[in-house]
Amino acid sequence: MVVAGPKQRIGQAGVNGSRAMSGNSTSKRLRPGEFLVLGVINDMRFLVPVVPGDRMIIAVKILKVAGDIALVEGTVTVEDTVVARGKLGFARRTIGVP
């Protein structure tokens, strides 16, 4: 069994934020054949060790949406302690289009 670590969870936070971005308004929703890709992770900080069994709560805030690009901020907490935070950038892409 493979268990995702904090870095994978931060990535998941970004995906969750990108889902929120895609539903931000009718014009920004993902259309059939579109998906969001993680392009960049900035200012990532792992502040406290996370061990198996810890319940991580991931909160994502959309900082900026410009065209097909979105910047989100993710914060991960365990029992009300911030254990990681960072900014992630996403780009909207269409299947079959570079």
N, C-alpha and C. Protein backbone atom coordinates (compact mmCIF):
# COMPACT_ATOMS: atom_id res chain seq x y z
N MET A 1 0.85 -1.19 0.00
CA MET A 1 0.00 0.00 0.00
C MET A 1 0.88 1.24 0.00
N VAL A 2 0.56 2.20 -0.84
CA VAL A 2 1.29 3.46 -0.93
C VAL A 2 0.50 4.53 -0.20
N VAL A 3 1.18 5.23 0.70
CA VAL A 3 0.54 6.31 1.45
C VAL A 3 1.16 7.62 1.00
N ALA A 4 0.33 8.57 0.62
CA ALA A 4 0.82 9.87 0.16
C ALA A 4 1.39 10.66 1.33
N GLY A 5 2.50 11.32 1.06
CA GLY A 5 3.13 12.17 2.08
C GLY A 5 2.67 13.61 1.94
N PRO A 6 3.25 14.49 2.78
CA PRO A 6 2.84 15.90 2.77
C PRO A 6 2.99 16.58 1.41
N LYS A 7 4.05 16.25 0.67
CA LYS A 7 4.25 16.91 -0.62
C LYS A 7 3.13 16.53 -1.59
N GLN A 8 2.74 15.27 -1.56
CA GLN A 8 1.64 14.85 -2.43
C GLN A 8 0.34 15.50 -1.98
N ARG A 9 0.16 15.66 -0.69
CA ARG A 9 -1.06 16.29 -0.17
C ARG A 9 -1.13 17.75 -0.56
N ILE A 10 0.01 18.45 -0.56
CA ILE A 10 0.00 19.84 -1.00
C ILE A 10 -0.41 19.90 -2.46
N GLY A 11 0.10 18.96 -3.24
CA GLY A 11 -0.32 18.88 -4.64
C GLY A 11 -1.82 18.69 -4.75
N GLN A 12 -2.36 17.83 -3.89
CA GLN A 12 -3.80 17.61 -3.87
C GLN A 12 -4.54 18.88 -3.48
N ALA A 13 -3.95 19.66 -2.58
CA ALA A 13 -4.56 20.93 -2.20
C ALA A 13 -4.69 21.83 -3.42
N GLY A 14 -3.64 21.83 -4.22
CA GLY A 14 -3.69 22.63 -5.43
C GLY A 14 -4.75 22.15 -6.40
N VAL A 15 -4.86 20.85 -6.51
CA VAL A 15 -5.91 20.29 -7.38
C VAL A 15 -7.27 20.73 -6.88
N ASN A 16 -7.48 20.66 -5.58
CA ASN A 16 -8.76 21.09 -5.01
C ASN A 16 -8.99 22.57 -5.30
N GLY A 17 -7.94 23.36 -5.19
CA GLY A 17 -8.07 24.78 -5.51
C GLY A 17 -8.38 25.00 -6.97
N SER A 18 -7.77 24.18 -7.81
CA SER A 18 -8.04 24.32 -9.23
C SER A 18 -9.47 23.93 -9.55
N ARG A 19 -10.00 22.96 -8.82
CA ARG A 19 -11.41 22.61 -9.00
C ARG A 19 -12.29 23.78 -8.62
N ALA A 20 -11.92 24.45 -7.53
CA ALA A 20 -12.69 25.62 -7.12
C ALA A 20 -12.59 26.69 -8.19
N MET A 21 -11.39 26.85 -8.76
CA MET A 21 -11.21 27.84 -9.82
C MET A 21 -12.09 27.51 -11.01
N SER A 22 -12.15 26.22 -11.35
CA SER A 22 -12.90 25.86 -12.54
C SER A 22 -14.39 26.10 -12.36
N GLY A 23 -14.85 26.17 -11.12
CA GLY A 23 -16.26 26.45 -10.86
C GLY A 23 -16.49 27.87 -10.41
N ASN A 24 -15.47 28.72 -10.55
CA ASN A 24 -15.53 30.09 -10.06
C ASN A 24 -16.63 30.92 -10.72
N SER A 25 -16.82 30.72 -12.01
CA SER A 25 -17.91 31.39 -12.71
C SER A 25 -18.27 30.54 -13.91
N THR A 26 -19.40 30.78 -14.48
CA THR A 26 -19.84 29.99 -15.61
C THR A 26 -18.83 30.03 -16.73
N SER A 27 -18.25 31.19 -17.02
CA SER A 27 -17.32 31.31 -18.14
C SER A 27 -15.98 30.63 -17.86
N LYS A 28 -15.64 30.38 -16.60
CA LYS A 28 -14.36 29.80 -16.26
C LYS A 28 -14.45 28.30 -15.99
N ARG A 29 -15.62 27.71 -16.03
CA ARG A 29 -15.74 26.28 -15.77
C ARG A 29 -15.01 25.49 -16.85
N LEU A 30 -14.50 24.34 -16.43
CA LEU A 30 -13.84 23.47 -17.40
C LEU A 30 -14.87 22.90 -18.36
N ARG A 31 -14.51 22.92 -19.62
CA ARG A 31 -15.37 22.35 -20.65
C ARG A 31 -14.89 20.93 -20.95
N PRO A 32 -15.70 20.13 -21.61
CA PRO A 32 -15.27 18.78 -21.96
C PRO A 32 -13.93 18.83 -22.72
N GLY A 33 -13.01 17.97 -22.31
CA GLY A 33 -11.69 17.92 -22.94
C GLY A 33 -10.67 18.83 -22.29
N GLU A 34 -11.07 19.65 -21.31
CA GLU A 34 -10.15 20.54 -20.62
C GLU A 34 -9.75 19.94 -19.27
N PHE A 35 -8.55 20.31 -18.83
CA PHE A 35 -8.09 19.89 -17.51
C PHE A 35 -7.10 20.93 -17.01
N LEU A 36 -6.78 20.89 -15.75
CA LEU A 36 -5.82 21.83 -15.15
C LEU A 36 -4.55 21.07 -14.79
N VAL A 37 -3.41 21.68 -15.08
CA VAL A 37 -2.12 21.08 -14.77
C VAL A 37 -1.38 21.95 -13.76
N LEU A 38 -0.70 21.27 -12.83
CA LEU A 38 0.13 21.97 -11.86
C LEU A 38 1.38 22.43 -12.58
N GLY A 39 1.63 23.73 -12.56
CA GLY A 39 2.77 24.27 -13.28
C GLY A 39 3.93 24.68 -12.39
N VAL A 40 3.61 25.14 -11.19
CA VAL A 40 4.68 25.66 -10.33
C VAL A 40 4.26 25.56 -8.86
N ILE A 41 5.24 25.32 -8.02
CA ILE A 41 5.05 25.38 -6.56
C ILE A 41 6.04 26.40 -6.05
N ASN A 42 5.53 27.47 -5.42
CA ASN A 42 6.37 28.55 -4.91
C ASN A 42 6.24 28.68 -3.40
N ASP A 43 7.31 29.16 -2.79
CA ASP A 43 7.29 29.49 -1.36
C ASP A 43 6.75 28.35 -0.52
N MET A 44 7.07 27.12 -0.87
CA MET A 44 6.57 25.96 -0.13
C MET A 44 7.39 25.79 1.14
N ARG A 45 6.69 25.66 2.24
CA ARG A 45 7.35 25.48 3.54
C ARG A 45 6.69 24.34 4.29
N PHE A 46 7.52 23.40 4.72
CA PHE A 46 7.04 22.32 5.59
C PHE A 46 7.51 22.68 6.99
N LEU A 47 6.59 23.04 7.85
CA LEU A 47 6.92 23.66 9.12
C LEU A 47 7.03 22.68 10.28
N VAL A 48 6.24 21.62 10.25
CA VAL A 48 6.19 20.64 11.33
C VAL A 48 6.10 19.26 10.69
N PRO A 49 6.84 18.27 11.23
CA PRO A 49 6.73 16.92 10.66
C PRO A 49 5.30 16.38 10.76
N VAL A 50 4.92 15.63 9.72
CA VAL A 50 3.63 14.94 9.69
C VAL A 50 3.93 13.45 9.66
N VAL A 51 3.25 12.69 10.50
CA VAL A 51 3.51 11.26 10.60
C VAL A 51 2.27 10.47 10.20
N PRO A 52 2.45 9.21 9.80
CA PRO A 52 1.28 8.40 9.46
C PRO A 52 0.25 8.41 10.59
N GLY A 53 -0.99 8.57 10.21
CA GLY A 53 -2.08 8.63 11.19
C GLY A 53 -2.55 10.05 11.48
N ASP A 54 -1.70 11.06 11.17
CA ASP A 54 -2.12 12.45 11.34
C ASP A 54 -3.23 12.76 10.34
N ARG A 55 -4.21 13.52 10.78
CA ARG A 55 -5.30 13.94 9.90
C ARG A 55 -5.00 15.35 9.41
N MET A 56 -4.69 15.45 8.13
CA MET A 56 -4.34 16.75 7.56
C MET A 56 -5.58 17.40 6.97
N ILE A 57 -5.79 18.66 7.31
CA ILE A 57 -6.87 19.46 6.75
C ILE A 57 -6.21 20.43 5.77
N ILE A 58 -6.68 20.41 4.52
CA ILE A 58 -6.09 21.22 3.48
C ILE A 58 -7.07 22.33 3.09
N ALA A 59 -6.62 23.57 3.22
CA ALA A 59 -7.44 24.72 2.83
C ALA A 59 -6.76 25.40 1.65
N VAL A 60 -7.55 25.78 0.67
CA VAL A 60 -7.00 26.42 -0.53
C VAL A 60 -7.74 27.73 -0.77
N LYS A 61 -6.96 28.76 -1.05
CA LYS A 61 -7.52 30.08 -1.33
C LYS A 61 -7.04 30.51 -2.72
N ILE A 62 -7.96 30.92 -3.58
CA ILE A 62 -7.60 31.40 -4.90
C ILE A 62 -7.07 32.83 -4.76
N LEU A 63 -5.82 33.03 -5.18
CA LEU A 63 -5.21 34.35 -5.08
C LEU A 63 -5.45 35.18 -6.33
N LYS A 64 -5.34 34.52 -7.50
CA LYS A 64 -5.47 35.27 -8.75
C LYS A 64 -5.81 34.32 -9.88
N VAL A 65 -6.71 34.77 -10.74
CA VAL A 65 -7.02 34.06 -11.97
C VAL A 65 -6.85 35.05 -13.11
N ALA A 66 -6.00 34.68 -14.07
CA ALA A 66 -5.76 35.54 -15.22
C ALA A 66 -5.77 34.67 -16.47
N GLY A 67 -6.82 34.80 -17.25
CA GLY A 67 -6.93 33.97 -18.44
C GLY A 67 -7.00 32.50 -18.07
N ASP A 68 -6.05 31.72 -18.58
CA ASP A 68 -6.03 30.28 -18.32
C ASP A 68 -5.07 29.90 -17.20
N ILE A 69 -4.61 30.88 -16.42
CA ILE A 69 -3.64 30.65 -15.36
C ILE A 69 -4.29 31.01 -14.01
N ALA A 70 -4.00 30.19 -13.00
CA ALA A 70 -4.51 30.48 -11.65
C ALA A 70 -3.39 30.30 -10.63
N LEU A 71 -3.35 31.16 -9.63
CA LEU A 71 -2.43 31.06 -8.52
C LEU A 71 -3.26 30.84 -7.26
N VAL A 72 -2.94 29.76 -6.53
CA VAL A 72 -3.66 29.45 -5.30
C VAL A 72 -2.67 29.32 -4.16
N GLU A 73 -3.18 29.50 -2.95
CA GLU A 73 -2.37 29.33 -1.75
C GLU A 73 -2.96 28.19 -0.95
N GLY A 74 -2.13 27.22 -0.60
CA GLY A 74 -2.58 26.09 0.19
C GLY A 74 -1.99 26.13 1.58
N THR A 75 -2.82 25.80 2.57
CA THR A 75 -2.37 25.70 3.95
C THR A 75 -2.82 24.36 4.49
N VAL A 76 -1.90 23.64 5.12
CA VAL A 76 -2.20 22.33 5.68
C VAL A 76 -2.09 22.41 7.19
N THR A 77 -3.11 21.94 7.89
CA THR A 77 -3.09 21.93 9.36
C THR A 77 -3.30 20.51 9.87
N VAL A 78 -2.72 20.24 11.03
CA VAL A 78 -2.95 19.02 11.79
C VAL A 78 -3.29 19.46 13.21
N GLU A 79 -4.49 19.15 13.64
CA GLU A 79 -4.95 19.54 14.99
C GLU A 79 -4.70 21.03 15.26
N ASP A 80 -5.15 21.88 14.36
CA ASP A 80 -5.06 23.33 14.47
C ASP A 80 -3.64 23.89 14.41
N THR A 81 -2.65 23.06 14.06
CA THR A 81 -1.28 23.52 13.88
C THR A 81 -0.97 23.55 12.39
N VAL A 82 -0.50 24.70 11.89
CA VAL A 82 -0.12 24.79 10.48
C VAL A 82 1.17 23.99 10.30
N VAL A 83 1.11 22.97 9.42
CA VAL A 83 2.27 22.11 9.20
C VAL A 83 2.94 22.38 7.86
N ALA A 84 2.21 23.01 6.93
CA ALA A 84 2.79 23.34 5.63
C ALA A 84 1.96 24.43 4.97
N ARG A 85 2.64 25.21 4.12
CA ARG A 85 1.93 26.24 3.33
C ARG A 85 2.76 26.56 2.10
N GLY A 86 2.06 26.97 1.07
CA GLY A 86 2.75 27.32 -0.16
C GLY A 86 1.80 27.83 -1.21
N LYS A 87 2.37 28.30 -2.29
CA LYS A 87 1.58 28.81 -3.41
C LYS A 87 1.79 27.89 -4.60
N LEU A 88 0.71 27.63 -5.33
CA LEU A 88 0.76 26.73 -6.47
C LEU A 88 0.13 27.42 -7.67
N GLY A 89 0.72 27.19 -8.83
CA GLY A 89 0.20 27.77 -10.06
C GLY A 89 -0.33 26.67 -10.98
N PHE A 90 -1.47 26.92 -11.60
CA PHE A 90 -2.12 25.98 -12.50
C PHE A 90 -2.39 26.63 -13.84
N ALA A 91 -2.41 25.79 -14.87
CA ALA A 91 -2.76 26.26 -16.21
C ALA A 91 -3.85 25.37 -16.77
N ARG A 92 -4.79 25.98 -17.48
CA ARG A 92 -5.87 25.24 -18.14
C ARG A 92 -5.34 24.75 -19.48
N ARG A 93 -5.56 23.48 -19.75
CA ARG A 93 -5.13 22.88 -21.02
C ARG A 93 -6.25 22.07 -21.62
N THR A 94 -6.17 21.85 -22.93
CA THR A 94 -7.14 21.05 -23.65
C THR A 94 -6.46 19.79 -24.17
N ILE A 95 -7.10 18.66 -24.03
CA ILE A 95 -6.55 17.40 -24.50
C ILE A 95 -6.24 17.52 -25.99
N GLY A 96 -5.00 17.15 -26.36
CA GLY A 96 -4.60 17.17 -27.76
C GLY A 96 -4.05 18.50 -28.25
N VAL A 97 -4.02 19.52 -27.37
CA VAL A 97 -3.50 20.83 -27.75
C VAL A 97 -2.31 21.14 -26.87
N PRO A 98 -1.10 21.40 -27.44
CA PRO A 98 0.09 21.67 -26.62
C PRO A 98 0.00 22.97 -25.85
